[in-house]
Amino acid sequence: MMTSETAPANFVDLATAVPDVRIDARYAGDNNFVGRPIDGYDGNRLFLTEEAATALAVAQASLSEQGLTLLVLDAYRPQRAVDDFVAWAADPSDEKMKADFYPNLTMQGIFDAGMLFERSSHARGSTVDLTLVDADGNELPMGTQFDFFGPEANIHWGGVTPVEAKNRITLATAMIDAGFEPYAAEWWHFTLKDEPYPDTYFNFTEI
């Protein structure tokens, strides 16, 4: 395992590399579980390795045939952003987003439940968090919002409605068929199977 402050040449801007997807960089604003912009994010821009972006385009092409579009919420996440999460969790008084994102967990409980880590696969550049929107740009119901910390976010949670279950399956099928692996605890989280940097955690903020 190693860290790097430099972006390799095969990192791409997602908006340019896969223009058919939509982007809402949640950690660049305050609509996230911390409730503020996260260190390392600057505006509504997301990066990925070229290999992951190419696979994402395949998933989007298959979903387009169903009248659906991927809404990407996070992609490459610099290590400094992960460190920001760790520092946030060290202050248990900062719970302004608890009711919306982790109503039944403590901050440390989020890490203990395997939903946040001190080393994130996102920092390797080939992991994406995403959901689906319809032709009008409306997010499809998935049973929970993005970054909800709790068992309800598990892909296999049985409490979703039939429509929500169908939407989770539609997203997962498109991503798996395109070469990504799901993370069972989070219906929105997928990592490229053959990621080019499986042992490198990056910390750059520009490419």
N, C-alpha and C. Protein backbone atom coordinates (compact mmCIF):
# COMPACT_ATOMS: atom_id res chain seq x y z
N MET A 1 0.84 -1.19 0.00
CA MET A 1 0.00 0.00 0.00
C MET A 1 0.87 1.24 0.00
N MET A 2 0.53 2.20 -0.84
CA MET A 2 1.31 3.42 -0.91
C MET A 2 0.37 4.61 -1.12
N THR A 3 0.89 5.81 -0.87
CA THR A 3 0.13 7.03 -1.11
C THR A 3 0.84 7.85 -2.17
N SER A 4 0.10 8.70 -2.84
CA SER A 4 0.68 9.54 -3.88
C SER A 4 -0.05 10.88 -3.92
N GLU A 5 0.71 11.96 -4.05
CA GLU A 5 0.15 13.30 -4.16
C GLU A 5 -0.05 13.72 -5.61
N THR A 6 0.36 12.85 -6.54
CA THR A 6 0.36 13.20 -7.96
C THR A 6 -0.68 12.38 -8.71
N ALA A 7 -1.40 13.04 -9.62
CA ALA A 7 -2.39 12.33 -10.44
C ALA A 7 -1.72 11.68 -11.64
N PRO A 8 -1.89 10.37 -11.83
CA PRO A 8 -1.37 9.73 -13.04
C PRO A 8 -2.09 10.26 -14.28
N ALA A 9 -1.49 10.03 -15.42
CA ALA A 9 -2.03 10.55 -16.68
C ALA A 9 -3.38 9.95 -17.04
N ASN A 10 -3.72 8.79 -16.47
CA ASN A 10 -4.97 8.13 -16.87
C ASN A 10 -6.14 8.50 -15.97
N PHE A 11 -6.04 9.57 -15.19
CA PHE A 11 -7.20 10.09 -14.50
C PHE A 11 -7.91 11.11 -15.39
N VAL A 12 -9.25 11.06 -15.42
CA VAL A 12 -10.01 11.91 -16.32
C VAL A 12 -11.10 12.65 -15.54
N ASP A 13 -11.52 13.78 -16.11
CA ASP A 13 -12.66 14.52 -15.59
C ASP A 13 -13.92 13.80 -16.06
N LEU A 14 -14.77 13.41 -15.13
CA LEU A 14 -15.91 12.57 -15.46
C LEU A 14 -16.87 13.26 -16.42
N ALA A 15 -17.08 14.56 -16.26
CA ALA A 15 -18.01 15.28 -17.11
C ALA A 15 -17.57 15.26 -18.57
N THR A 16 -16.28 15.25 -18.79
CA THR A 16 -15.74 15.20 -20.16
C THR A 16 -15.69 13.79 -20.68
N ALA A 17 -15.28 12.86 -19.81
CA ALA A 17 -15.07 11.48 -20.25
C ALA A 17 -16.39 10.73 -20.48
N VAL A 18 -17.40 11.03 -19.67
CA VAL A 18 -18.70 10.35 -19.79
C VAL A 18 -19.79 11.43 -19.75
N PRO A 19 -19.95 12.19 -20.81
CA PRO A 19 -20.88 13.33 -20.78
C PRO A 19 -22.34 12.95 -20.62
N ASP A 20 -22.69 11.69 -20.83
CA ASP A 20 -24.09 11.27 -20.74
C ASP A 20 -24.57 11.09 -19.30
N VAL A 21 -23.65 11.00 -18.34
CA VAL A 21 -24.08 10.86 -16.95
C VAL A 21 -24.28 12.25 -16.34
N ARG A 22 -25.01 12.29 -15.25
CA ARG A 22 -25.18 13.52 -14.49
C ARG A 22 -24.28 13.47 -13.27
N ILE A 23 -23.88 14.66 -12.81
CA ILE A 23 -22.96 14.75 -11.68
C ILE A 23 -23.54 15.66 -10.60
N ASP A 24 -23.51 15.18 -9.37
CA ASP A 24 -23.86 15.99 -8.21
C ASP A 24 -22.86 15.66 -7.12
N ALA A 25 -21.76 16.39 -7.09
CA ALA A 25 -20.67 16.11 -6.15
C ALA A 25 -21.11 16.52 -4.74
N ARG A 26 -21.68 15.58 -4.02
CA ARG A 26 -22.30 15.89 -2.74
C ARG A 26 -21.31 16.42 -1.70
N TYR A 27 -20.06 15.98 -1.77
CA TYR A 27 -19.10 16.42 -0.76
C TYR A 27 -18.51 17.80 -1.06
N ALA A 28 -18.88 18.37 -2.19
CA ALA A 28 -18.47 19.74 -2.49
C ALA A 28 -19.43 20.76 -1.87
N GLY A 29 -20.57 20.31 -1.36
CA GLY A 29 -21.55 21.20 -0.75
C GLY A 29 -21.90 20.76 0.65
N ASP A 30 -23.11 21.10 1.08
CA ASP A 30 -23.50 20.75 2.45
C ASP A 30 -24.58 19.68 2.52
N ASN A 31 -24.97 19.10 1.37
CA ASN A 31 -25.96 18.02 1.37
C ASN A 31 -25.26 16.69 1.52
N ASN A 32 -24.70 16.47 2.71
CA ASN A 32 -23.99 15.23 3.01
C ASN A 32 -24.04 15.00 4.51
N PHE A 33 -23.52 13.87 4.96
CA PHE A 33 -23.68 13.49 6.35
C PHE A 33 -22.89 14.35 7.33
N VAL A 34 -21.93 15.12 6.83
CA VAL A 34 -21.20 16.06 7.68
C VAL A 34 -21.90 17.41 7.72
N GLY A 35 -22.53 17.78 6.61
CA GLY A 35 -23.28 19.02 6.56
C GLY A 35 -22.49 20.23 6.13
N ARG A 36 -21.35 20.00 5.48
CA ARG A 36 -20.50 21.08 4.99
C ARG A 36 -19.61 20.55 3.87
N PRO A 37 -18.97 21.44 3.09
CA PRO A 37 -18.00 20.96 2.09
C PRO A 37 -16.85 20.22 2.75
N ILE A 38 -16.41 19.17 2.08
CA ILE A 38 -15.34 18.32 2.59
C ILE A 38 -14.01 18.70 1.95
N ASP A 39 -12.96 18.65 2.74
CA ASP A 39 -11.62 19.01 2.26
C ASP A 39 -11.25 18.18 1.03
N GLY A 40 -10.79 18.86 -0.02
CA GLY A 40 -10.36 18.17 -1.23
C GLY A 40 -11.33 18.27 -2.39
N TYR A 41 -12.52 18.83 -2.14
CA TYR A 41 -13.52 18.98 -3.20
C TYR A 41 -13.67 20.46 -3.56
N ASP A 42 -13.71 20.74 -4.85
CA ASP A 42 -13.81 22.12 -5.31
C ASP A 42 -14.81 22.19 -6.46
N GLY A 43 -16.04 22.53 -6.16
CA GLY A 43 -17.06 22.64 -7.20
C GLY A 43 -17.61 21.29 -7.62
N ASN A 44 -18.49 21.34 -8.59
CA ASN A 44 -19.20 20.13 -9.03
C ASN A 44 -18.37 19.37 -10.06
N ARG A 45 -17.20 18.89 -9.62
CA ARG A 45 -16.29 18.15 -10.49
C ARG A 45 -15.92 16.83 -9.82
N LEU A 46 -15.86 15.78 -10.63
CA LEU A 46 -15.46 14.47 -10.13
C LEU A 46 -14.47 13.84 -11.10
N PHE A 47 -13.51 13.10 -10.55
CA PHE A 47 -12.50 12.44 -11.35
C PHE A 47 -12.58 10.93 -11.18
N LEU A 48 -12.10 10.21 -12.20
CA LEU A 48 -12.00 8.76 -12.17
C LEU A 48 -10.81 8.33 -13.01
N THR A 49 -10.36 7.09 -12.79
CA THR A 49 -9.40 6.55 -13.75
C THR A 49 -10.09 6.36 -15.09
N GLU A 50 -9.32 6.42 -16.14
CA GLU A 50 -9.90 6.25 -17.47
C GLU A 50 -10.57 4.89 -17.61
N GLU A 51 -9.99 3.87 -16.99
CA GLU A 51 -10.56 2.53 -17.06
C GLU A 51 -11.94 2.47 -16.42
N ALA A 52 -12.08 3.11 -15.26
CA ALA A 52 -13.38 3.13 -14.60
C ALA A 52 -14.39 3.97 -15.37
N ALA A 53 -13.93 5.08 -15.93
CA ALA A 53 -14.82 5.93 -16.72
C ALA A 53 -15.33 5.20 -17.96
N THR A 54 -14.47 4.45 -18.60
CA THR A 54 -14.87 3.68 -19.78
C THR A 54 -15.94 2.65 -19.41
N ALA A 55 -15.74 1.97 -18.28
CA ALA A 55 -16.73 1.00 -17.83
C ALA A 55 -18.04 1.69 -17.44
N LEU A 56 -17.94 2.87 -16.85
CA LEU A 56 -19.14 3.61 -16.48
C LEU A 56 -19.95 3.99 -17.71
N ALA A 57 -19.26 4.33 -18.78
CA ALA A 57 -19.95 4.66 -20.03
C ALA A 57 -20.72 3.46 -20.57
N VAL A 58 -20.19 2.27 -20.37
CA VAL A 58 -20.89 1.05 -20.79
C VAL A 58 -22.18 0.89 -19.98
N ALA A 59 -22.09 1.11 -18.67
CA ALA A 59 -23.28 1.01 -17.83
C ALA A 59 -24.32 2.04 -18.24
N GLN A 60 -23.86 3.26 -18.51
CA GLN A 60 -24.80 4.30 -18.91
C GLN A 60 -25.48 3.97 -20.24
N ALA A 61 -24.74 3.41 -21.16
CA ALA A 61 -25.32 3.06 -22.46
C ALA A 61 -26.45 2.04 -22.29
N SER A 62 -26.27 1.07 -21.41
CA SER A 62 -27.32 0.07 -21.21
C SER A 62 -28.53 0.68 -20.51
N LEU A 63 -28.30 1.61 -19.59
CA LEU A 63 -29.40 2.24 -18.88
C LEU A 63 -30.16 3.21 -19.77
N SER A 64 -29.46 3.82 -20.71
CA SER A 64 -30.12 4.75 -21.64
C SER A 64 -31.22 4.04 -22.43
N GLU A 65 -31.02 2.77 -22.70
CA GLU A 65 -32.02 2.00 -23.43
C GLU A 65 -33.31 1.84 -22.62
N GLN A 66 -33.21 2.06 -21.31
CA GLN A 66 -34.37 1.97 -20.42
C GLN A 66 -34.90 3.36 -20.04
N GLY A 67 -34.34 4.39 -20.68
CA GLY A 67 -34.76 5.75 -20.38
C GLY A 67 -34.23 6.28 -19.06
N LEU A 68 -33.12 5.70 -18.58
CA LEU A 68 -32.55 6.07 -17.29
C LEU A 68 -31.15 6.65 -17.45
N THR A 69 -30.76 7.43 -16.45
CA THR A 69 -29.44 8.06 -16.45
C THR A 69 -28.79 7.88 -15.09
N LEU A 70 -27.48 7.66 -15.10
CA LEU A 70 -26.73 7.59 -13.85
C LEU A 70 -26.52 9.00 -13.30
N LEU A 71 -26.73 9.15 -12.01
CA LEU A 71 -26.40 10.37 -11.29
C LEU A 71 -25.24 10.03 -10.37
N VAL A 72 -24.06 10.53 -10.68
CA VAL A 72 -22.86 10.20 -9.92
C VAL A 72 -22.71 11.19 -8.77
N LEU A 73 -22.60 10.67 -7.57
CA LEU A 73 -22.58 11.47 -6.36
C LEU A 73 -21.17 11.61 -5.78
N ASP A 74 -20.33 10.64 -6.04
CA ASP A 74 -18.92 10.72 -5.64
C ASP A 74 -18.13 9.75 -6.51
N ALA A 75 -16.86 10.05 -6.70
CA ALA A 75 -15.99 9.19 -7.49
C ALA A 75 -14.63 9.14 -6.79
N TYR A 76 -13.57 9.61 -7.45
CA TYR A 76 -12.28 9.71 -6.75
C TYR A 76 -12.43 10.62 -5.53
N ARG A 77 -11.91 10.16 -4.41
CA ARG A 77 -11.96 10.91 -3.15
C ARG A 77 -10.55 11.01 -2.59
N PRO A 78 -9.97 12.20 -2.57
CA PRO A 78 -8.60 12.30 -2.07
C PRO A 78 -8.49 11.87 -0.61
N GLN A 79 -7.31 11.39 -0.23
CA GLN A 79 -7.12 10.92 1.14
C GLN A 79 -7.41 12.02 2.15
N ARG A 80 -7.16 13.28 1.77
CA ARG A 80 -7.42 14.38 2.70
C ARG A 80 -8.92 14.47 3.04
N ALA A 81 -9.79 14.06 2.10
CA ALA A 81 -11.22 14.04 2.39
C ALA A 81 -11.54 12.94 3.39
N VAL A 82 -10.91 11.80 3.22
CA VAL A 82 -11.10 10.70 4.17
C VAL A 82 -10.62 11.13 5.55
N ASP A 83 -9.48 11.81 5.59
CA ASP A 83 -8.96 12.31 6.87
C ASP A 83 -9.92 13.31 7.49
N ASP A 84 -10.60 14.10 6.66
CA ASP A 84 -11.59 15.06 7.16
C ASP A 84 -12.74 14.31 7.83
N PHE A 85 -13.17 13.21 7.24
CA PHE A 85 -14.22 12.39 7.86
C PHE A 85 -13.77 11.87 9.23
N VAL A 86 -12.53 11.40 9.29
CA VAL A 86 -12.01 10.85 10.54
C VAL A 86 -11.96 11.94 11.61
N ALA A 87 -11.52 13.14 11.23
CA ALA A 87 -11.46 14.25 12.18
C ALA A 87 -12.85 14.66 12.65
N TRP A 88 -13.81 14.64 11.72
CA TRP A 88 -15.20 14.95 12.07
C TRP A 88 -15.74 13.97 13.11
N ALA A 89 -15.46 12.70 12.92
CA ALA A 89 -15.97 11.67 13.82
C ALA A 89 -15.36 11.77 15.22
N ALA A 90 -14.23 12.47 15.32
CA ALA A 90 -13.58 12.61 16.63
C ALA A 90 -14.26 13.66 17.50
N ASP A 91 -15.22 14.40 16.93
CA ASP A 91 -15.94 15.43 17.68
C ASP A 91 -17.41 15.03 17.78
N PRO A 92 -17.78 14.26 18.78
CA PRO A 92 -19.15 13.73 18.88
C PRO A 92 -20.22 14.80 19.09
N SER A 93 -19.82 16.05 19.32
CA SER A 93 -20.80 17.12 19.50
C SER A 93 -21.35 17.62 18.16
N ASP A 94 -20.68 17.30 17.06
CA ASP A 94 -21.08 17.80 15.74
C ASP A 94 -22.03 16.80 15.09
N GLU A 95 -23.27 16.82 15.52
CA GLU A 95 -24.24 15.84 15.04
C GLU A 95 -25.44 16.49 14.33
N LYS A 96 -25.19 17.59 13.65
CA LYS A 96 -26.32 18.31 13.04
C LYS A 96 -27.02 17.52 11.94
N MET A 97 -26.33 16.53 11.34
CA MET A 97 -26.94 15.75 10.26
C MET A 97 -27.36 14.35 10.72
N LYS A 98 -27.28 14.09 12.01
CA LYS A 98 -27.55 12.75 12.53
C LYS A 98 -28.94 12.26 12.17
N ALA A 99 -29.96 13.08 12.35
CA ALA A 99 -31.35 12.64 12.13
C ALA A 99 -31.58 12.20 10.69
N ASP A 100 -30.86 12.81 9.75
CA ASP A 100 -31.07 12.51 8.33
C ASP A 100 -30.21 11.36 7.82
N PHE A 101 -29.01 11.19 8.39
CA PHE A 101 -28.06 10.26 7.79
C PHE A 101 -27.66 9.08 8.69
N TYR A 102 -27.67 9.26 10.00
CA TYR A 102 -27.25 8.15 10.88
C TYR A 102 -28.04 8.18 12.19
N PRO A 103 -29.38 8.09 12.09
CA PRO A 103 -30.23 8.26 13.27
C PRO A 103 -30.01 7.23 14.36
N ASN A 104 -29.53 6.06 14.01
CA ASN A 104 -29.40 4.98 14.99
C ASN A 104 -27.96 4.59 15.27
N LEU A 105 -27.01 5.43 14.85
CA LEU A 105 -25.60 5.14 15.06
C LEU A 105 -24.89 6.34 15.67
N THR A 106 -23.81 6.07 16.39
CA THR A 106 -22.90 7.14 16.79
C THR A 106 -21.94 7.39 15.64
N MET A 107 -21.18 8.46 15.73
CA MET A 107 -20.17 8.72 14.70
C MET A 107 -19.20 7.55 14.59
N GLN A 108 -18.67 7.10 15.72
CA GLN A 108 -17.73 5.99 15.69
C GLN A 108 -18.42 4.73 15.21
N GLY A 109 -19.70 4.60 15.48
CA GLY A 109 -20.45 3.44 15.03
C GLY A 109 -20.50 3.32 13.52
N ILE A 110 -20.42 4.44 12.82
CA ILE A 110 -20.40 4.42 11.36
C ILE A 110 -19.15 3.68 10.88
N PHE A 111 -18.01 3.95 11.52
CA PHE A 111 -16.77 3.25 11.17
C PHE A 111 -16.86 1.79 11.60
N ASP A 112 -17.38 1.55 12.79
CA ASP A 112 -17.47 0.18 13.30
C ASP A 112 -18.36 -0.69 12.42
N ALA A 113 -19.37 -0.07 11.78
CA ALA A 113 -20.30 -0.81 10.92
C ALA A 113 -19.74 -1.04 9.53
N GLY A 114 -18.54 -0.55 9.24
CA GLY A 114 -17.93 -0.77 7.93
C GLY A 114 -18.52 0.10 6.85
N MET A 115 -18.97 1.30 7.22
CA MET A 115 -19.54 2.21 6.23
C MET A 115 -18.64 3.42 6.00
N LEU A 116 -17.66 3.60 6.85
CA LEU A 116 -16.57 4.54 6.62
C LEU A 116 -15.28 3.89 7.08
N PHE A 117 -14.18 4.23 6.40
CA PHE A 117 -12.89 3.64 6.71
C PHE A 117 -11.82 4.73 6.72
N GLU A 118 -10.74 4.50 7.43
CA GLU A 118 -9.63 5.44 7.42
C GLU A 118 -8.86 5.38 6.10
N ARG A 119 -9.05 4.31 5.35
CA ARG A 119 -8.55 4.20 3.98
C ARG A 119 -9.73 3.81 3.11
N SER A 120 -10.07 4.65 2.14
CA SER A 120 -11.25 4.41 1.32
C SER A 120 -10.86 3.93 -0.07
N SER A 121 -11.63 3.00 -0.62
CA SER A 121 -11.40 2.57 -2.00
C SER A 121 -11.56 3.72 -2.98
N HIS A 122 -12.34 4.73 -2.60
CA HIS A 122 -12.50 5.90 -3.47
C HIS A 122 -11.16 6.57 -3.76
N ALA A 123 -10.24 6.54 -2.80
CA ALA A 123 -8.94 7.20 -2.97
C ALA A 123 -8.06 6.49 -3.99
N ARG A 124 -8.46 5.29 -4.41
CA ARG A 124 -7.71 4.58 -5.44
C ARG A 124 -8.17 4.97 -6.85
N GLY A 125 -9.28 5.69 -6.95
CA GLY A 125 -9.67 6.30 -8.21
C GLY A 125 -10.60 5.52 -9.10
N SER A 126 -11.06 4.34 -8.68
CA SER A 126 -11.93 3.54 -9.54
C SER A 126 -13.22 3.11 -8.85
N THR A 127 -13.61 3.85 -7.83
CA THR A 127 -14.85 3.58 -7.11
C THR A 127 -15.81 4.75 -7.32
N VAL A 128 -17.08 4.43 -7.51
CA VAL A 128 -18.09 5.46 -7.69
C VAL A 128 -19.28 5.22 -6.78
N ASP A 129 -19.91 6.30 -6.36
CA ASP A 129 -21.18 6.27 -5.66
C ASP A 129 -22.20 6.90 -6.59
N LEU A 130 -23.31 6.21 -6.81
CA LEU A 130 -24.27 6.75 -7.79
C LEU A 130 -25.67 6.21 -7.57
N THR A 131 -26.60 6.83 -8.27
CA THR A 131 -27.99 6.40 -8.26
C THR A 131 -28.57 6.59 -9.65
N LEU A 132 -29.87 6.45 -9.78
CA LEU A 132 -30.54 6.55 -11.08
C LEU A 132 -31.52 7.71 -11.09
N VAL A 133 -31.63 8.37 -12.24
CA VAL A 133 -32.66 9.38 -12.43
C VAL A 133 -33.44 9.04 -13.69
N ASP A 134 -34.69 9.53 -13.73
CA ASP A 134 -35.53 9.29 -14.90
C ASP A 134 -35.31 10.36 -15.95
N ALA A 135 -36.10 10.35 -17.01
CA ALA A 135 -35.91 11.27 -18.12
C ALA A 135 -36.10 12.73 -17.71
N ASP A 136 -36.81 12.96 -16.61
CA ASP A 136 -37.03 14.32 -16.12
C ASP A 136 -36.01 14.73 -15.06
N GLY A 137 -35.06 13.85 -14.80
CA GLY A 137 -34.04 14.17 -13.81
C GLY A 137 -34.42 13.87 -12.38
N ASN A 138 -35.52 13.16 -12.17
CA ASN A 138 -35.95 12.81 -10.82
C ASN A 138 -35.25 11.55 -10.34
N GLU A 139 -34.72 11.58 -9.13
CA GLU A 139 -34.07 10.40 -8.58
C GLU A 139 -35.10 9.29 -8.36
N LEU A 140 -34.75 8.07 -8.74
CA LEU A 140 -35.62 6.94 -8.50
C LEU A 140 -35.57 6.55 -7.02
N PRO A 141 -36.68 6.11 -6.45
CA PRO A 141 -36.67 5.69 -5.05
C PRO A 141 -35.83 4.43 -4.85
N MET A 142 -34.94 4.50 -3.86
CA MET A 142 -34.04 3.39 -3.59
C MET A 142 -34.18 2.83 -2.18
N GLY A 143 -35.11 3.35 -1.41
CA GLY A 143 -35.30 2.85 -0.06
C GLY A 143 -34.62 3.69 0.99
N THR A 144 -33.46 4.27 0.65
CA THR A 144 -32.78 5.24 1.51
C THR A 144 -32.14 6.28 0.59
N GLN A 145 -31.75 7.39 1.19
CA GLN A 145 -30.96 8.33 0.44
C GLN A 145 -29.51 7.87 0.39
N PHE A 146 -28.73 8.48 -0.48
CA PHE A 146 -27.29 8.24 -0.54
C PHE A 146 -26.66 8.58 0.81
N ASP A 147 -25.73 7.74 1.22
CA ASP A 147 -24.97 7.91 2.46
C ASP A 147 -25.83 7.80 3.71
N PHE A 148 -26.93 7.06 3.63
CA PHE A 148 -27.66 6.74 4.85
C PHE A 148 -26.92 5.60 5.54
N PHE A 149 -26.54 5.81 6.78
CA PHE A 149 -25.77 4.80 7.51
C PHE A 149 -26.70 3.96 8.37
N GLY A 150 -26.88 2.73 7.96
CA GLY A 150 -27.74 1.82 8.68
C GLY A 150 -28.02 0.60 7.83
N PRO A 151 -28.60 -0.45 8.39
CA PRO A 151 -28.85 -1.68 7.65
C PRO A 151 -29.78 -1.49 6.46
N GLU A 152 -30.60 -0.43 6.50
CA GLU A 152 -31.53 -0.18 5.41
C GLU A 152 -30.81 0.08 4.08
N ALA A 153 -29.55 0.49 4.14
CA ALA A 153 -28.79 0.78 2.93
C ALA A 153 -28.21 -0.48 2.29
N ASN A 154 -28.24 -1.59 3.02
CA ASN A 154 -27.70 -2.83 2.48
C ASN A 154 -28.48 -3.25 1.23
N ILE A 155 -27.76 -3.65 0.21
CA ILE A 155 -28.38 -4.05 -1.05
C ILE A 155 -29.47 -5.11 -0.82
N HIS A 156 -29.25 -5.98 0.16
CA HIS A 156 -30.16 -7.11 0.37
C HIS A 156 -31.19 -6.86 1.48
N TRP A 157 -31.30 -5.63 1.96
CA TRP A 157 -32.25 -5.35 3.02
C TRP A 157 -33.67 -5.64 2.55
N GLY A 158 -34.43 -6.36 3.36
CA GLY A 158 -35.74 -6.81 2.93
C GLY A 158 -36.87 -5.84 3.15
N GLY A 159 -36.58 -4.66 3.70
CA GLY A 159 -37.64 -3.72 4.02
C GLY A 159 -38.01 -2.76 2.92
N VAL A 160 -37.38 -2.87 1.75
CA VAL A 160 -37.71 -1.96 0.66
C VAL A 160 -39.01 -2.39 -0.03
N THR A 161 -39.63 -1.46 -0.72
CA THR A 161 -40.82 -1.79 -1.49
C THR A 161 -40.41 -2.52 -2.76
N PRO A 162 -41.35 -3.16 -3.45
CA PRO A 162 -41.00 -3.82 -4.71
C PRO A 162 -40.39 -2.86 -5.74
N VAL A 163 -40.88 -1.63 -5.79
CA VAL A 163 -40.32 -0.65 -6.73
C VAL A 163 -38.89 -0.31 -6.35
N GLU A 164 -38.64 -0.09 -5.07
CA GLU A 164 -37.30 0.24 -4.61
C GLU A 164 -36.34 -0.92 -4.86
N ALA A 165 -36.81 -2.14 -4.60
CA ALA A 165 -35.98 -3.32 -4.86
C ALA A 165 -35.64 -3.44 -6.34
N LYS A 166 -36.61 -3.19 -7.19
CA LYS A 166 -36.38 -3.24 -8.64
C LYS A 166 -35.35 -2.20 -9.06
N ASN A 167 -35.43 -1.01 -8.50
CA ASN A 167 -34.49 0.05 -8.86
C ASN A 167 -33.07 -0.29 -8.40
N ARG A 168 -32.95 -0.88 -7.22
CA ARG A 168 -31.62 -1.30 -6.75
C ARG A 168 -31.05 -2.37 -7.67
N ILE A 169 -31.89 -3.30 -8.07
CA ILE A 169 -31.42 -4.37 -8.95
C ILE A 169 -31.03 -3.81 -10.32
N THR A 170 -31.82 -2.87 -10.84
CA THR A 170 -31.50 -2.27 -12.14
C THR A 170 -30.14 -1.60 -12.11
N LEU A 171 -29.88 -0.83 -11.05
CA LEU A 171 -28.58 -0.16 -10.92
C LEU A 171 -27.45 -1.17 -10.78
N ALA A 172 -27.63 -2.13 -9.89
CA ALA A 172 -26.57 -3.11 -9.65
C ALA A 172 -26.29 -3.95 -10.89
N THR A 173 -27.32 -4.35 -11.61
CA THR A 173 -27.13 -5.17 -12.81
C THR A 173 -26.33 -4.42 -13.86
N ALA A 174 -26.67 -3.16 -14.09
CA ALA A 174 -25.95 -2.37 -15.09
C ALA A 174 -24.48 -2.22 -14.71
N MET A 175 -24.22 -1.97 -13.44
CA MET A 175 -22.84 -1.75 -13.00
C MET A 175 -22.04 -3.06 -13.01
N ILE A 176 -22.64 -4.14 -12.56
CA ILE A 176 -21.95 -5.43 -12.55
C ILE A 176 -21.65 -5.88 -13.98
N ASP A 177 -22.62 -5.73 -14.87
CA ASP A 177 -22.40 -6.12 -16.27
C ASP A 177 -21.30 -5.29 -16.92
N ALA A 178 -21.08 -4.08 -16.44
CA ALA A 178 -20.05 -3.20 -17.00
C ALA A 178 -18.68 -3.44 -16.39
N GLY A 179 -18.60 -4.31 -15.37
CA GLY A 179 -17.30 -4.65 -14.81
C GLY A 179 -17.03 -4.14 -13.41
N PHE A 180 -18.07 -3.68 -12.72
CA PHE A 180 -17.90 -3.19 -11.35
C PHE A 180 -18.36 -4.25 -10.34
N GLU A 181 -17.81 -4.14 -9.14
CA GLU A 181 -18.24 -4.98 -8.03
C GLU A 181 -19.03 -4.14 -7.03
N PRO A 182 -20.17 -4.63 -6.57
CA PRO A 182 -20.95 -3.87 -5.58
C PRO A 182 -20.37 -4.05 -4.19
N TYR A 183 -20.74 -3.13 -3.29
CA TYR A 183 -20.43 -3.25 -1.87
C TYR A 183 -21.76 -3.44 -1.16
N ALA A 184 -21.98 -4.60 -0.59
CA ALA A 184 -23.30 -4.99 -0.12
C ALA A 184 -23.89 -4.01 0.88
N ALA A 185 -23.06 -3.40 1.71
CA ALA A 185 -23.57 -2.52 2.77
C ALA A 185 -24.12 -1.21 2.25
N GLU A 186 -23.80 -0.87 0.98
CA GLU A 186 -24.21 0.42 0.42
C GLU A 186 -24.70 0.20 -1.01
N TRP A 187 -25.96 0.35 -1.26
CA TRP A 187 -26.51 0.07 -2.59
C TRP A 187 -25.93 0.97 -3.67
N TRP A 188 -25.35 2.09 -3.31
CA TRP A 188 -24.85 3.09 -4.27
C TRP A 188 -23.37 2.92 -4.62
N HIS A 189 -22.65 2.01 -4.01
CA HIS A 189 -21.18 1.96 -4.03
C HIS A 189 -20.68 0.81 -4.91
N PHE A 190 -19.83 1.15 -5.91
CA PHE A 190 -19.29 0.14 -6.84
C PHE A 190 -17.83 0.44 -7.15
N THR A 191 -17.02 -0.63 -7.22
CA THR A 191 -15.60 -0.52 -7.53
C THR A 191 -15.27 -1.35 -8.75
N LEU A 192 -14.50 -0.79 -9.67
CA LEU A 192 -14.09 -1.52 -10.86
C LEU A 192 -13.32 -2.78 -10.47
N LYS A 193 -13.71 -3.92 -11.02
CA LYS A 193 -13.07 -5.19 -10.67
C LYS A 193 -11.58 -5.16 -10.95
N ASP A 194 -11.20 -4.69 -12.12
CA ASP A 194 -9.80 -4.66 -12.52
C ASP A 194 -9.24 -3.25 -12.37
N GLU A 195 -9.39 -2.67 -11.18
CA GLU A 195 -8.92 -1.30 -10.97
C GLU A 195 -7.41 -1.23 -11.17
N PRO A 196 -6.93 -0.16 -11.81
CA PRO A 196 -5.50 -0.08 -12.14
C PRO A 196 -4.59 0.22 -10.96
N TYR A 197 -5.13 0.74 -9.86
CA TYR A 197 -4.29 1.10 -8.71
C TYR A 197 -4.85 0.49 -7.43
N PRO A 198 -4.86 -0.83 -7.33
CA PRO A 198 -5.49 -1.49 -6.18
C PRO A 198 -4.78 -1.25 -4.86
N ASP A 199 -3.53 -0.78 -4.90
CA ASP A 199 -2.75 -0.61 -3.67
C ASP A 199 -2.27 0.81 -3.46
N THR A 200 -2.80 1.76 -4.24
CA THR A 200 -2.35 3.15 -4.14
C THR A 200 -3.50 4.06 -3.74
N TYR A 201 -3.26 4.90 -2.75
CA TYR A 201 -4.26 5.83 -2.26
C TYR A 201 -3.77 7.25 -2.57
N PHE A 202 -4.52 7.94 -3.44
CA PHE A 202 -4.08 9.24 -3.94
C PHE A 202 -4.61 10.38 -3.08
N ASN A 203 -3.91 11.53 -3.19
CA ASN A 203 -4.27 12.69 -2.38
C ASN A 203 -4.26 13.98 -3.19
N PHE A 204 -4.23 13.90 -4.51
CA PHE A 204 -4.26 15.10 -5.35
C PHE A 204 -5.68 15.65 -5.43
N THR A 205 -5.81 16.91 -5.82
CA THR A 205 -7.12 17.54 -5.95
C THR A 205 -7.37 18.07 -7.35
N GLU A 206 -6.38 18.04 -8.23
CA GLU A 206 -6.53 18.49 -9.61
C GLU A 206 -5.83 17.53 -10.55
N ILE A 207 -6.31 17.46 -11.80
CA ILE A 207 -5.63 16.65 -12.81
C ILE A 207 -5.27 17.53 -13.99
